[in-house]
Amino acid sequence: MNKLIVLGIDGLGYTNLTQHQKQFLPRLNKLCETYTCTSIPLDVAISPRNWTRIFSGQDLKWYNLFIKPVDNINYRLIRRHELPVKFIWEKYPDMIVINAPVVIPPICRNTEFKPVAYGLPLSYYEAWRELNQVRRHTLKALDTNKPIISVTTVFDRILHITGNEATIKKICIELDEVIHQIIEKAIQNKYNWIIISDHAMKRVSSDTEGKTAPRHDMPYIKTVTKAIHGHDENSLFISNLPDKPTSLTHVYQIIERELKQIYRF
């Protein structure tokens, strides 16, 4: 095989897949049992910092939020050019990039995919839209034979605001089906594939529902004001490759190694 797809699942850690939501993710668990699967311990569970590690191989220790202060009460989104790193897709310009959340809104390249809710879906309808658009555009990309990065953020976003078992079940079942269809087609089209997450999720409140609100300074973005699940410090790696990475920067090294073989560098 000389093709590669990297599927990112924001927030779906090894503990979520194999323990907390196991019963709702049977096809992902089957992949975990059939192929290489490992938990990557993390020193921090911060999405922008960890996705930057995965897709650039660099650790920006200051990068804890997608936003930065303008003054004492106002913030703005961090811009791509403010991150002093070179992302993997900048080395391979024909790579298809779908919804890579290293900044908000997520980066997209060589695709017609448009991020849902600035890449921060919080309602069930927004989550459904993102999952189905990720599915459609990723399946289309697999027919190009080009390297692909495709990420969904819905597991992280929905678990932040709900502890409702029925809602979590619906999201997990839909996610499980989307990943199954993508991996099935990847195998048919002779792609090597990697499934990776940036961290896990854990219950931090006994309440059933959280709360959200538009930011006062950026009202087009909804913020979680009361979280039901927070971030946990383990990551998920599943692949048809034999590697068992021990860090997120190691995952980057695996991705780059495979791309160098594809491009014969």
C-alpha atoms as a PDB file:
ATOM      1  CA  MET A   1       0.000   0.000   0.000  1.00  0.00           C
ATOM      2  CA  ASN A   2       1.264   3.504  -0.746  1.00  0.00           C
ATOM      3  CA  LYS A   3      -1.698   5.630   0.351  1.00  0.00           C
ATOM      4  CA  LEU A   4      -2.623   7.002   3.780  1.00  0.00           C
ATOM      5  CA  ILE A   5      -5.691   8.311   5.585  1.00  0.00           C
ATOM      6  CA  VAL A   6      -5.558   9.709   9.127  1.00  0.00           C
ATOM      7  CA  LEU A   7      -8.930   9.824  10.906  1.00  0.00           C
ATOM      8  CA  GLY A   8      -9.086  12.054  13.969  1.00  0.00           C
ATOM      9  CA  ILE A   9     -11.796  11.621  16.613  1.00  0.00           C
ATOM     10  CA  ASP A  10     -11.664  14.534  19.034  1.00  0.00           C
ATOM     11  CA  GLY A  11     -12.176  13.370  22.626  1.00  0.00           C
ATOM     12  CA  LEU A  12     -12.572   9.623  22.027  1.00  0.00           C
ATOM     13  CA  GLY A  13      -9.868   8.189  24.244  1.00  0.00           C
ATOM     14  CA  TYR A  14      -8.839   4.599  24.787  1.00  0.00           C
ATOM     15  CA  THR A  15     -10.845   4.502  28.019  1.00  0.00           C
ATOM     16  CA  ASN A  16     -13.982   5.755  26.262  1.00  0.00           C
ATOM     17  CA  LEU A  17     -13.725   3.134  23.524  1.00  0.00           C
ATOM     18  CA  THR A  18     -12.846   0.139  25.692  1.00  0.00           C
ATOM     19  CA  GLN A  19     -14.707   1.001  28.912  1.00  0.00           C
ATOM     20  CA  HIS A  20     -17.190   3.864  29.246  1.00  0.00           C
ATOM     21  CA  GLN A  21     -18.910   3.838  25.820  1.00  0.00           C
ATOM     22  CA  LYS A  22     -17.848   0.339  24.710  1.00  0.00           C
ATOM     23  CA  GLN A  23     -21.382  -0.970  24.225  1.00  0.00           C
ATOM     24  CA  PHE A  24     -22.227   1.853  21.796  1.00  0.00           C
ATOM     25  CA  LEU A  25     -19.120   1.478  19.583  1.00  0.00           C
ATOM     26  CA  PRO A  26     -19.020  -2.188  18.498  1.00  0.00           C
ATOM     27  CA  ARG A  27     -17.370  -1.668  15.095  1.00  0.00           C
ATOM     28  CA  LEU A  28     -14.628   0.538  16.483  1.00  0.00           C
ATOM     29  CA  ASN A  29     -14.032  -2.067  19.181  1.00  0.00           C
ATOM     30  CA  LYS A  30     -13.763  -4.714  16.469  1.00  0.00           C
ATOM     31  CA  LEU A  31     -11.066  -2.644  14.762  1.00  0.00           C
ATOM     32  CA  CYS A  32      -9.336  -2.334  18.140  1.00  0.00           C
ATOM     33  CA  GLU A  33      -9.352  -6.134  18.526  1.00  0.00           C
ATOM     34  CA  THR A  34      -8.329  -6.890  14.917  1.00  0.00           C
ATOM     35  CA  TYR A  35      -5.596  -4.319  14.304  1.00  0.00           C
ATOM     36  CA  THR A  36      -2.906  -2.500  16.270  1.00  0.00           C
ATOM     37  CA  CYS A  37      -4.548  -0.614  19.131  1.00  0.00           C
ATOM     38  CA  THR A  38      -2.927   1.226  22.000  1.00  0.00           C
ATOM     39  CA  SER A  39      -3.522   3.872  24.627  1.00  0.00           C
ATOM     40  CA  ILE A  40      -1.172   6.845  24.565  1.00  0.00           C
ATOM     41  CA  PRO A  41      -0.692   8.439  28.013  1.00  0.00           C
ATOM     42  CA  LEU A  42      -0.759  12.231  27.949  1.00  0.00           C
ATOM     43  CA  ASP A  43       0.815  14.907  30.085  1.00  0.00           C
ATOM     44  CA  VAL A  44      -1.919  17.371  29.094  1.00  0.00           C
ATOM     45  CA  ALA A  45      -5.419  16.927  27.660  1.00  0.00           C
ATOM     46  CA  ILE A  46      -5.698  20.156  25.673  1.00  0.00           C
ATOM     47  CA  SER A  47      -7.188  19.922  22.187  1.00  0.00           C
ATOM     48  CA  PRO A  48      -5.372  22.696  20.264  1.00  0.00           C
ATOM     49  CA  ARG A  49      -2.015  21.804  21.790  1.00  0.00           C
ATOM     50  CA  ASN A  50      -2.461  18.078  21.144  1.00  0.00           C
ATOM     51  CA  TRP A  51      -3.771  18.344  17.563  1.00  0.00           C
ATOM     52  CA  THR A  52      -0.776  20.590  16.862  1.00  0.00           C
ATOM     53  CA  ARG A  53       1.496  17.850  18.226  1.00  0.00           C
ATOM     54  CA  ILE A  54      -0.175  15.245  16.003  1.00  0.00           C
ATOM     55  CA  PHE A  55      -0.115  17.278  12.794  1.00  0.00           C
ATOM     56  CA  SER A  56       3.144  19.231  13.185  1.00  0.00           C
ATOM     57  CA  GLY A  57       5.275  17.154  15.549  1.00  0.00           C
ATOM     58  CA  GLN A  58       5.843  20.293  17.642  1.00  0.00           C
ATOM     59  CA  ASP A  59       4.686  21.026  21.184  1.00  0.00           C
ATOM     60  CA  LEU A  60       3.517  24.621  21.685  1.00  0.00           C
ATOM     61  CA  LYS A  61       3.422  24.638  25.468  1.00  0.00           C
ATOM     62  CA  TRP A  62       1.623  27.980  25.597  1.00  0.00           C
ATOM     63  CA  TYR A  63      -1.174  26.891  23.240  1.00  0.00           C
ATOM     64  CA  ASN A  64      -3.993  26.084  25.672  1.00  0.00           C
ATOM     65  CA  LEU A  65      -6.960  27.824  23.997  1.00  0.00           C
ATOM     66  CA  PHE A  66      -8.127  28.619  20.481  1.00  0.00           C
ATOM     67  CA  ILE A  67      -8.545  32.256  21.584  1.00  0.00           C
ATOM     68  CA  LYS A  68      -6.230  35.041  22.745  1.00  0.00           C
ATOM     69  CA  PRO A  69      -6.915  38.271  24.665  1.00  0.00           C
ATOM     70  CA  VAL A  70      -7.311  41.582  22.875  1.00  0.00           C
ATOM     71  CA  ASP A  71      -7.774  43.495  26.136  1.00  0.00           C
ATOM     72  CA  ASN A  72      -9.098  42.757  29.634  1.00  0.00           C
ATOM     73  CA  ILE A  73     -12.580  41.700  28.470  1.00  0.00           C
ATOM     74  CA  ASN A  74     -12.320  40.868  24.780  1.00  0.00           C
ATOM     75  CA  TYR A  75     -10.768  37.935  22.956  1.00  0.00           C
ATOM     76  CA  ARG A  76     -10.304  36.867  19.360  1.00  0.00           C
ATOM     77  CA  LEU A  77      -9.537  33.617  17.579  1.00  0.00           C
ATOM     78  CA  ILE A  78      -5.880  32.670  17.182  1.00  0.00           C
ATOM     79  CA  ARG A  79      -4.844  32.779  13.531  1.00  0.00           C
ATOM     80  CA  ARG A  80      -2.880  30.096  11.731  1.00  0.00           C
ATOM     81  CA  HIS A  81       0.088  32.389  11.050  1.00  0.00           C
ATOM     82  CA  GLU A  82       0.496  32.961  14.801  1.00  0.00           C
ATOM     83  CA  LEU A  83       1.446  29.306  15.354  1.00  0.00           C
ATOM     84  CA  PRO A  84       5.212  28.945  14.760  1.00  0.00           C
ATOM     85  CA  VAL A  85       4.995  25.458  13.268  1.00  0.00           C
ATOM     86  CA  LYS A  86       4.805  23.817   9.845  1.00  0.00           C
ATOM     87  CA  PHE A  87       1.886  21.436   9.554  1.00  0.00           C
ATOM     88  CA  ILE A  88       2.210  18.184   7.639  1.00  0.00           C
ATOM     89  CA  TRP A  89      -0.150  19.314   4.867  1.00  0.00           C
ATOM     90  CA  GLU A  90       2.098  22.290   4.171  1.00  0.00           C
ATOM     91  CA  LYS A  91       4.846  19.854   3.241  1.00  0.00           C
ATOM     92  CA  TYR A  92       2.515  17.872   0.957  1.00  0.00           C
ATOM     93  CA  PRO A  93       0.269  20.463  -0.752  1.00  0.00           C
ATOM     94  CA  ASP A  94      -1.986  17.987  -2.586  1.00  0.00           C
ATOM     95  CA  MET A  95      -3.065  16.340   0.702  1.00  0.00           C
ATOM     96  CA  ILE A  96      -6.815  16.544   1.371  1.00  0.00           C
ATOM     97  CA  VAL A  97      -7.519  18.049   4.813  1.00  0.00           C
ATOM     98  CA  ILE A  98     -11.038  17.905   6.257  1.00  0.00           C
ATOM     99  CA  ASN A  99     -11.805  19.733   9.515  1.00  0.00           C
ATOM    100  CA  ALA A 100      -8.369  19.677  11.194  1.00  0.00           C
ATOM    101  CA  PRO A 101      -8.948  21.544  14.512  1.00  0.00           C
ATOM    102  CA  VAL A 102      -5.502  23.042  15.074  1.00  0.00           C
ATOM    103  CA  VAL A 103      -7.230  26.437  14.995  1.00  0.00           C
ATOM    104  CA  ILE A 104     -10.876  27.530  14.942  1.00  0.00           C
ATOM    105  CA  PRO A 105     -12.438  27.341  12.428  1.00  0.00           C
ATOM    106  CA  PRO A 106     -10.651  24.094  11.507  1.00  0.00           C
ATOM    107  CA  ILE A 107      -8.322  23.949   8.523  1.00  0.00           C
ATOM    108  CA  CYS A 108      -9.638  22.482   5.263  1.00  0.00           C
ATOM    109  CA  ARG A 109      -7.616  22.015   2.068  1.00  0.00           C
ATOM    110  CA  ASN A 110      -8.468  20.533  -1.336  1.00  0.00           C
ATOM    111  CA  THR A 111     -12.034  19.795  -0.216  1.00  0.00           C
ATOM    112  CA  GLU A 112     -15.475  21.373  -0.416  1.00  0.00           C
ATOM    113  CA  PHE A 113     -16.155  20.520   3.244  1.00  0.00           C
ATOM    114  CA  LYS A 114     -17.162  23.520   5.371  1.00  0.00           C
ATOM    115  CA  PRO A 115     -16.753  23.386   9.192  1.00  0.00           C
ATOM    116  CA  VAL A 116     -20.035  23.204  11.100  1.00  0.00           C
ATOM    117  CA  ALA A 117     -20.586  25.878  13.778  1.00  0.00           C
ATOM    118  CA  TYR A 118     -16.993  27.121  13.421  1.00  0.00           C
ATOM    119  CA  GLY A 119     -15.879  23.569  14.208  1.00  0.00           C
ATOM    120  CA  LEU A 120     -17.602  23.759  17.600  1.00  0.00           C
ATOM    121  CA  PRO A 121     -20.880  21.816  17.198  1.00  0.00           C
ATOM    122  CA  LEU A 122     -22.914  21.686  20.405  1.00  0.00           C
ATOM    123  CA  SER A 123     -26.459  20.726  19.416  1.00  0.00           C
ATOM    124  CA  TYR A 124     -27.415  17.242  18.290  1.00  0.00           C
ATOM    125  CA  TYR A 125     -28.385  18.638  14.880  1.00  0.00           C
ATOM    126  CA  GLU A 126     -24.971  20.315  14.464  1.00  0.00           C
ATOM    127  CA  ALA A 127     -23.244  17.073  15.481  1.00  0.00           C
ATOM    128  CA  TRP A 128     -25.322  15.090  12.978  1.00  0.00           C
ATOM    129  CA  ARG A 129     -24.470  17.597  10.224  1.00  0.00           C
ATOM    130  CA  GLU A 130     -20.749  17.433  10.949  1.00  0.00           C
ATOM    131  CA  LEU A 131     -20.633  13.643  11.062  1.00  0.00           C
ATOM    132  CA  ASN A 132     -22.521  13.225   7.815  1.00  0.00           C
ATOM    133  CA  GLN A 133     -20.528  15.892   5.998  1.00  0.00           C
ATOM    134  CA  VAL A 134     -17.266  14.353   7.230  1.00  0.00           C
ATOM    135  CA  ARG A 135     -18.527  10.984   5.983  1.00  0.00           C
ATOM    136  CA  ARG A 136     -19.540  12.278   2.560  1.00  0.00           C
ATOM    137  CA  HIS A 137     -16.418  14.301   1.853  1.00  0.00           C
ATOM    138  CA  THR A 138     -14.031  11.659   3.218  1.00  0.00           C
ATOM    139  CA  LEU A 139     -15.599   8.873   1.167  1.00  0.00           C
ATOM    140  CA  LYS A 140     -15.295  11.117  -1.893  1.00  0.00           C
ATOM    141  CA  ALA A 141     -11.653  11.878  -1.051  1.00  0.00           C
ATOM    142  CA  LEU A 142     -10.825   8.157  -0.905  1.00  0.00           C
ATOM    143  CA  ASP A 143     -11.488   7.951  -4.650  1.00  0.00           C
ATOM    144  CA  THR A 144      -8.677  10.436  -5.374  1.00  0.00           C
ATOM    145  CA  ASN A 145      -5.836   8.208  -4.095  1.00  0.00           C
ATOM    146  CA  LYS A 146      -4.392  11.283  -2.353  1.00  0.00           C
ATOM    147  CA  PRO A 147      -3.303  11.355   1.315  1.00  0.00           C
ATOM    148  CA  ILE A 148      -6.157  12.398   3.596  1.00  0.00           C
ATOM    149  CA  ILE A 149      -6.579  13.890   7.065  1.00  0.00           C
ATOM    150  CA  SER A 150     -10.168  13.953   8.307  1.00  0.00           C
ATOM    151  CA  VAL A 151     -11.331  14.868  11.810  1.00  0.00           C
ATOM    152  CA  THR A 152     -14.658  14.903  13.637  1.00  0.00           C
ATOM    153  CA  THR A 153     -15.132  16.931  16.833  1.00  0.00           C
ATOM    154  CA  VAL A 154     -18.626  15.768  17.829  1.00  0.00           C
ATOM    155  CA  PHE A 155     -17.763  13.244  20.555  1.00  0.00           C
ATOM    156  CA  ASP A 156     -15.852  15.855  22.557  1.00  0.00           C
ATOM    157  CA  ARG A 157     -18.427  18.592  21.989  1.00  0.00           C
ATOM    158  CA  ILE A 158     -21.558  16.603  22.830  1.00  0.00           C
ATOM    159  CA  LEU A 159     -20.089  14.934  25.929  1.00  0.00           C
ATOM    160  CA  HIS A 160     -19.140  18.351  27.291  1.00  0.00           C
ATOM    161  CA  ILE A 161     -22.822  19.248  27.543  1.00  0.00           C
ATOM    162  CA  THR A 162     -24.678  16.010  28.215  1.00  0.00           C
ATOM    163  CA  GLY A 163     -24.705  13.010  30.508  1.00  0.00           C
ATOM    164  CA  ASN A 164     -27.911  11.723  28.948  1.00  0.00           C
ATOM    165  CA  GLU A 165     -27.301   8.080  28.065  1.00  0.00           C
ATOM    166  CA  ALA A 166     -29.760   8.078  25.162  1.00  0.00           C
ATOM    167  CA  THR A 167     -28.091  11.106  23.519  1.00  0.00           C
ATOM    168  CA  ILE A 168     -24.596   9.679  24.017  1.00  0.00           C
ATOM    169  CA  LYS A 169     -25.755   6.359  22.574  1.00  0.00           C
ATOM    170  CA  LYS A 170     -27.169   8.030  19.438  1.00  0.00           C
ATOM    171  CA  ILE A 171     -23.989  10.009  18.827  1.00  0.00           C
ATOM    172  CA  CYS A 172     -21.757   6.977  19.400  1.00  0.00           C
ATOM    173  CA  ILE A 173     -23.812   4.735  17.101  1.00  0.00           C
ATOM    174  CA  GLU A 174     -23.678   7.338  14.333  1.00  0.00           C
ATOM    175  CA  LEU A 175     -19.939   7.890  14.876  1.00  0.00           C
ATOM    176  CA  ASP A 176     -19.331   4.130  14.872  1.00  0.00           C
ATOM    177  CA  GLU A 177     -21.120   3.771  11.520  1.00  0.00           C
ATOM    178  CA  VAL A 178     -19.293   6.735   9.934  1.00  0.00           C
ATOM    179  CA  ILE A 179     -15.856   5.398  10.930  1.00  0.00           C
ATOM    180  CA  HIS A 180     -16.830   1.892   9.807  1.00  0.00           C
ATOM    181  CA  GLN A 181     -17.832   3.106   6.335  1.00  0.00           C
ATOM    182  CA  ILE A 182     -14.667   5.180   5.941  1.00  0.00           C
ATOM    183  CA  ILE A 183     -12.321   2.384   7.050  1.00  0.00           C
ATOM    184  CA  GLU A 184     -14.130  -0.182   4.888  1.00  0.00           C
ATOM    185  CA  LYS A 185     -13.641   1.986   1.819  1.00  0.00           C
ATOM    186  CA  ALA A 186     -10.045   2.780   2.824  1.00  0.00           C
ATOM    187  CA  ILE A 187      -9.303  -0.950   2.930  1.00  0.00           C
ATOM    188  CA  GLN A 188     -11.047  -1.510  -0.418  1.00  0.00           C
ATOM    189  CA  ASN A 189      -9.023   1.324  -1.976  1.00  0.00           C
ATOM    190  CA  LYS A 190      -5.778  -0.022  -0.523  1.00  0.00           C
ATOM    191  CA  TYR A 191      -5.087   2.795   1.916  1.00  0.00           C
ATOM    192  CA  ASN A 192      -3.055   2.442   5.060  1.00  0.00           C
ATOM    193  CA  TRP A 193      -5.036   4.068   7.842  1.00  0.00           C
ATOM    194  CA  ILE A 194      -4.628   5.565  11.300  1.00  0.00           C
ATOM    195  CA  ILE A 195      -7.341   6.468  13.809  1.00  0.00           C
ATOM    196  CA  ILE A 196      -6.104   8.949  16.422  1.00  0.00           C
ATOM    197  CA  SER A 197      -7.591  11.087  19.200  1.00  0.00           C
ATOM    198  CA  ASP A 198      -6.239  14.073  21.088  1.00  0.00           C
ATOM    199  CA  HIS A 199      -7.478  13.033  24.554  1.00  0.00           C
ATOM    200  CA  ALA A 200     -10.298  11.179  26.311  1.00  0.00           C
ATOM    201  CA  MET A 201     -13.454  12.359  28.109  1.00  0.00           C
ATOM    202  CA  LYS A 202     -14.456  11.720  31.725  1.00  0.00           C
ATOM    203  CA  ARG A 203     -17.532  12.554  33.789  1.00  0.00           C
ATOM    204  CA  VAL A 204     -16.987  15.619  35.979  1.00  0.00           C
ATOM    205  CA  SER A 205     -20.590  16.414  36.994  1.00  0.00           C
ATOM    206  CA  SER A 206     -23.443  14.242  38.227  1.00  0.00           C
ATOM    207  CA  ASP A 207     -25.950  16.494  36.447  1.00  0.00           C
ATOM    208  CA  THR A 208     -27.622  15.298  33.257  1.00  0.00           C
ATOM    209  CA  GLU A 209     -27.332  18.409  31.105  1.00  0.00           C
ATOM    210  CA  GLY A 210     -24.763  21.154  30.859  1.00  0.00           C
ATOM    211  CA  LYS A 211     -25.178  24.740  29.696  1.00  0.00           C
ATOM    212  CA  THR A 212     -23.926  26.771  26.740  1.00  0.00           C
ATOM    213  CA  ALA A 213     -24.025  30.448  25.837  1.00  0.00           C
ATOM    214  CA  PRO A 214     -22.753  32.678  23.040  1.00  0.00           C
ATOM    215  CA  ARG A 215     -19.502  34.384  23.977  1.00  0.00           C
ATOM    216  CA  HIS A 216     -20.069  38.032  24.879  1.00  0.00           C
ATOM    217  CA  ASP A 217     -17.096  39.096  22.750  1.00  0.00           C
ATOM    218  CA  MET A 218     -17.540  36.578  19.911  1.00  0.00           C
ATOM    219  CA  PRO A 219     -21.295  35.822  19.874  1.00  0.00           C
ATOM    220  CA  TYR A 220     -21.028  33.621  16.770  1.00  0.00           C
ATOM    221  CA  ILE A 221     -19.230  31.045  18.951  1.00  0.00           C
ATOM    222  CA  LYS A 222     -21.060  29.088  21.647  1.00  0.00           C
ATOM    223  CA  THR A 223     -19.156  28.415  24.843  1.00  0.00           C
ATOM    224  CA  VAL A 224     -19.726  25.630  27.381  1.00  0.00           C
ATOM    225  CA  THR A 225     -20.553  27.385  30.644  1.00  0.00           C
ATOM    226  CA  LYS A 226     -21.311  24.207  32.588  1.00  0.00           C
ATOM    227  CA  ALA A 227     -19.572  20.965  31.546  1.00  0.00           C
ATOM    228  CA  ILE A 228     -20.832  17.441  32.281  1.00  0.00           C
ATOM    229  CA  HIS A 229     -17.732  15.710  30.911  1.00  0.00           C
ATOM    230  CA  GLY A 230     -14.211  17.120  30.939  1.00  0.00           C
ATOM    231  CA  HIS A 231     -10.952  16.022  29.324  1.00  0.00           C
ATOM    232  CA  ASP A 232      -8.995  12.949  30.443  1.00  0.00           C
ATOM    233  CA  GLU A 233      -5.307  12.223  29.869  1.00  0.00           C
ATOM    234  CA  ASN A 234      -5.229   9.279  27.473  1.00  0.00           C
ATOM    235  CA  SER A 235      -5.399   9.056  23.703  1.00  0.00           C
ATOM    236  CA  LEU A 236      -6.548   6.348  21.282  1.00  0.00           C
ATOM    237  CA  PHE A 237      -4.445   4.951  18.408  1.00  0.00           C
ATOM    238  CA  ILE A 238      -5.729   2.240  16.037  1.00  0.00           C
ATOM    239  CA  SER A 239      -4.053   1.364  12.734  1.00  0.00           C
ATOM    240  CA  ASN A 240      -3.360  -1.346  10.188  1.00  0.00           C
ATOM    241  CA  LEU A 241       0.293  -0.332  10.627  1.00  0.00           C
ATOM    242  CA  PRO A 242       2.290  -2.258  13.262  1.00  0.00           C
ATOM    243  CA  ASP A 243       3.461   0.810  15.212  1.00  0.00           C
ATOM    244  CA  LYS A 244       2.554   1.402  18.851  1.00  0.00           C
ATOM    245  CA  PRO A 245       3.328   5.088  19.454  1.00  0.00           C
ATOM    246  CA  THR A 246       4.171   6.274  22.945  1.00  0.00           C
ATOM    247  CA  SER A 247       3.410   9.967  22.400  1.00  0.00           C
ATOM    248  CA  LEU A 248       1.433  12.225  20.076  1.00  0.00           C
ATOM    249  CA  THR A 249       4.637  13.540  18.500  1.00  0.00           C
ATOM    250  CA  HIS A 250       5.520   9.904  17.787  1.00  0.00           C
ATOM    251  CA  VAL A 251       2.200   9.673  15.889  1.00  0.00           C
ATOM    252  CA  TYR A 252       3.364  12.613  13.766  1.00  0.00           C
ATOM    253  CA  GLN A 253       6.614  10.787  13.025  1.00  0.00           C
ATOM    254  CA  ILE A 254       4.660   7.746  11.830  1.00  0.00           C
ATOM    255  CA  ILE A 255       2.485   9.902   9.572  1.00  0.00           C
ATOM    256  CA  GLU A 256       5.540  11.646   8.116  1.00  0.00           C
ATOM    257  CA  ARG A 257       7.354   8.335   7.566  1.00  0.00           C
ATOM    258  CA  GLU A 258       4.400   6.982   5.594  1.00  0.00           C
ATOM    259  CA  LEU A 259       4.119  10.151   3.512  1.00  0.00           C
ATOM    260  CA  LYS A 260       7.817  10.107   2.692  1.00  0.00           C
ATOM    261  CA  GLN A 261       7.375   6.580   1.360  1.00  0.00           C
ATOM    262  CA  ILE A 262       4.421   7.725  -0.745  1.00  0.00           C
ATOM    263  CA  TYR A 263       6.277  10.718  -2.167  1.00  0.00           C
ATOM    264  CA  ARG A 264       9.611   8.873  -2.296  1.00  0.00           C
ATOM    265  CA  PHE A 265      11.488  11.583  -0.422  1.00  0.00           C
END
